[in-house]
Each structure stands twice: as C-alpha cells, then as structure tokens.
Amino acid sequence: MNVLVPGALRSYTGSTRLQADGASLLALFAELDRRYPGLRFRVVDEQDRLRPNMRIFVNGQGVRDLTHALQPDDDVAIVLALSGG
C-alpha cells in the first residue's frame, strides 16, 4: 500500500512516500517501525492508541481505530494535526 508520511517524520524515513504492508494499521506501524525505528512511537502511544496530535486517513477517510483492516491497494496518509491559537 502507499503510505504518505508528514514532512515532520521524514527524518525517520528519508521520504514522504513509502510502500508498506500490513493487515491493519497496528500491523502497518509495526512494519514501518522495523524499517524506520522510532517512527511508531511518534504516531502511536504506549497503549496502542493514536497520539492526539496525529490523524490517519485511509483512502481519504479519517480513521482512529488502529485495528482498522487494510487492503494491499489502500492509500494511507499520516497527518500531523496542527494546534495553537
């Protein structure tokens, strides 16, 4: 599947566009962390929950459940949410 990584995490991956596999978002982040150590911790907390400042879109639809099933042709976008006043 295609994975879009925010520029803020490019220091882990060296690129903002990746190819990866995983039957779920949790499996995808496990795969990405094997390839790019430390990346998962920036997106997923110690309780396997999406960090509050992160958003995940699968084929353009927002997803917060990391057990969400993925298909090989899915497009996954990891987005760093902005906050402030």
Protein backbone atom coordinates (compact mmCIF):
# COMPACT_ATOMS: atom_id res chain seq x y z
CA MET A 1 0.00 0.00 0.00
CA ASN A 2 1.01 3.59 -0.42
CA VAL A 3 1.83 5.49 2.76
CA LEU A 4 2.15 9.26 2.92
CA VAL A 5 4.36 10.42 5.80
CA PRO A 6 4.31 14.02 7.07
CA GLY A 7 7.43 16.05 6.50
CA ALA A 8 8.00 16.23 10.26
CA LEU A 9 8.65 12.46 10.27
CA ARG A 10 10.77 12.40 7.13
CA SER A 11 13.90 12.36 9.29
CA TYR A 12 12.94 8.74 10.14
CA THR A 13 12.08 7.59 6.63
CA GLY A 14 14.09 9.81 4.30
CA SER A 15 10.99 10.17 2.14
CA THR A 16 7.38 11.29 2.47
CA ARG A 17 6.07 8.48 0.25
CA LEU A 18 6.55 4.82 1.14
CA GLN A 19 5.37 1.37 0.14
CA ALA A 20 4.50 -0.91 3.05
CA ASP A 21 2.34 -3.88 4.06
CA GLY A 22 0.06 -4.65 6.99
CA ALA A 23 -3.31 -6.26 7.60
CA SER A 24 -4.26 -3.44 10.00
CA LEU A 25 -2.96 -0.03 10.97
CA LEU A 26 -1.25 -1.59 14.01
CA ALA A 27 0.48 -4.11 11.74
CA LEU A 28 1.42 -1.34 9.31
CA PHE A 29 3.05 0.71 12.09
CA ALA A 30 4.87 -2.38 13.37
CA GLU A 31 6.24 -2.91 9.85
CA LEU A 32 7.21 0.74 9.50
CA ASP A 33 8.93 0.68 12.91
CA ARG A 34 11.00 -2.36 11.86
CA ARG A 35 12.18 -0.42 8.83
CA TYR A 36 12.35 3.02 10.47
CA PRO A 37 12.98 2.57 14.22
CA GLY A 38 11.24 5.18 16.36
CA LEU A 39 8.60 6.13 13.80
CA ARG A 40 5.78 4.20 15.52
CA PHE A 41 6.40 5.91 18.85
CA ARG A 42 5.85 9.30 17.21
CA VAL A 43 2.40 8.18 15.96
CA VAL A 44 1.17 5.54 18.44
CA ASP A 45 1.39 5.77 22.24
CA GLU A 46 2.33 3.06 24.76
CA GLN A 47 -1.31 1.90 24.98
CA ASP A 48 -1.53 1.35 21.19
CA ARG A 49 -3.64 4.47 20.72
CA LEU A 50 -3.16 7.11 18.10
CA ARG A 51 -1.42 10.13 19.64
CA PRO A 52 -3.78 13.15 19.96
CA ASN A 53 -1.77 15.25 17.51
CA MET A 54 -1.84 12.62 14.78
CA ARG A 55 -4.51 11.79 12.21
CA ILE A 56 -4.71 8.80 9.91
CA PHE A 57 -6.65 8.75 6.66
CA VAL A 58 -7.27 5.53 4.75
CA ASN A 59 -8.43 6.20 1.20
CA GLY A 60 -9.37 9.72 2.31
CA GLN A 61 -11.46 8.64 5.31
CA GLY A 62 -10.35 9.57 8.83
CA VAL A 63 -9.62 6.53 10.99
CA ARG A 64 -8.73 6.49 14.72
CA ASP A 65 -9.15 2.75 15.35
CA LEU A 66 -5.73 1.22 14.83
CA THR A 67 -7.28 -2.25 14.40
CA HIS A 68 -8.83 -0.94 11.15
CA ALA A 69 -8.28 -3.57 8.44
CA LEU A 70 -6.17 -2.58 5.46
CA GLN A 71 -6.08 -3.85 1.89
CA PRO A 72 -2.92 -4.01 -0.24
CA ASP A 73 -4.16 -1.25 -2.57
CA ASP A 74 -5.15 1.19 0.20
CA ASP A 75 -3.68 4.68 0.43
CA VAL A 76 -2.75 5.61 4.00
CA ALA A 77 -1.92 9.18 4.95
CA ILE A 78 -0.33 10.01 8.29
CA VAL A 79 -1.07 13.64 9.11
CA LEU A 80 0.35 15.75 11.90
CA ALA A 81 -2.51 17.85 13.28
CA LEU A 82 -1.70 21.48 13.93
CA SER A 83 -2.83 23.22 17.08
CA GLY A 84 -2.41 26.59 18.61
CA GLY A 85 -4.24 29.80 18.94
